[in-house]
N, C-alpha and C. Protein backbone atom coordinates (compact mmCIF):
# COMPACT_ATOMS: atom_id res chain seq x y z
N MET A 1 161.00 61.05 121.04
CA MET A 1 159.84 60.40 121.67
C MET A 1 160.23 59.00 122.15
N ALA A 2 160.96 58.97 123.21
CA ALA A 2 161.41 57.68 123.75
C ALA A 2 160.23 56.86 124.25
N TRP A 3 159.21 57.56 124.73
CA TRP A 3 158.03 56.86 125.27
C TRP A 3 157.30 56.09 124.19
N GLY A 4 157.42 56.55 122.94
CA GLY A 4 156.72 55.91 121.83
C GLY A 4 157.13 54.45 121.65
N ASN A 5 158.39 54.16 121.96
CA ASN A 5 158.90 52.80 121.78
C ASN A 5 158.33 51.85 122.83
N GLN A 6 157.79 52.41 123.91
CA GLN A 6 157.27 51.58 124.99
C GLN A 6 155.77 51.30 124.82
N LEU A 7 155.17 51.93 123.82
CA LEU A 7 153.74 51.72 123.59
C LEU A 7 153.52 50.67 122.51
N THR A 8 152.37 50.01 122.60
CA THR A 8 152.02 49.03 121.56
C THR A 8 151.47 49.78 120.35
N GLU A 9 151.28 49.10 119.25
CA GLU A 9 150.76 49.73 118.04
C GLU A 9 149.35 50.25 118.27
N VAL A 10 148.64 49.66 119.24
CA VAL A 10 147.27 50.09 119.53
C VAL A 10 147.29 51.32 120.42
N GLU A 11 148.20 51.36 121.37
CA GLU A 11 148.24 52.46 122.33
C GLU A 11 148.84 53.73 121.73
N ARG A 12 149.81 53.55 120.82
CA ARG A 12 150.55 54.71 120.30
C ARG A 12 149.64 55.78 119.68
N PRO A 13 148.73 55.43 118.74
CA PRO A 13 147.89 56.47 118.11
C PRO A 13 147.04 57.22 119.14
N TYR A 14 146.51 56.49 120.12
CA TYR A 14 145.67 57.12 121.14
C TYR A 14 146.50 58.06 122.01
N PHE A 15 147.68 57.59 122.42
CA PHE A 15 148.53 58.37 123.31
C PHE A 15 148.99 59.66 122.62
N ILE A 16 149.35 59.54 121.34
CA ILE A 16 149.78 60.72 120.58
C ILE A 16 148.63 61.71 120.44
N THR A 17 147.42 61.19 120.23
CA THR A 17 146.25 62.06 120.10
C THR A 17 146.03 62.84 121.38
N VAL A 18 146.11 62.16 122.52
CA VAL A 18 145.93 62.82 123.82
C VAL A 18 147.07 63.81 124.07
N TYR A 19 148.28 63.40 123.67
CA TYR A 19 149.45 64.24 123.88
C TYR A 19 149.31 65.57 123.14
N HIS A 20 148.90 65.51 121.87
CA HIS A 20 148.74 66.72 121.08
C HIS A 20 147.54 67.53 121.56
N ALA A 21 146.52 66.84 122.05
CA ALA A 21 145.34 67.54 122.57
C ALA A 21 145.72 68.37 123.78
N ASN A 22 146.62 67.84 124.61
CA ASN A 22 147.07 68.57 125.79
C ASN A 22 147.91 69.78 125.39
N LEU A 23 148.64 69.67 124.30
CA LEU A 23 149.44 70.80 123.83
C LEU A 23 148.54 71.91 123.32
N ALA A 24 147.39 71.53 122.76
CA ALA A 24 146.47 72.49 122.18
C ALA A 24 145.73 73.27 123.27
N CYS A 25 145.63 72.70 124.44
CA CYS A 25 144.93 73.37 125.55
C CYS A 25 145.66 74.65 125.94
């Protein structure tokens, strides 16, 4: 997850949530 290092501590949890939500679709 190289993109994870580019996110702030605030953005990371939200981005991961959206990322996994897209996988579930």
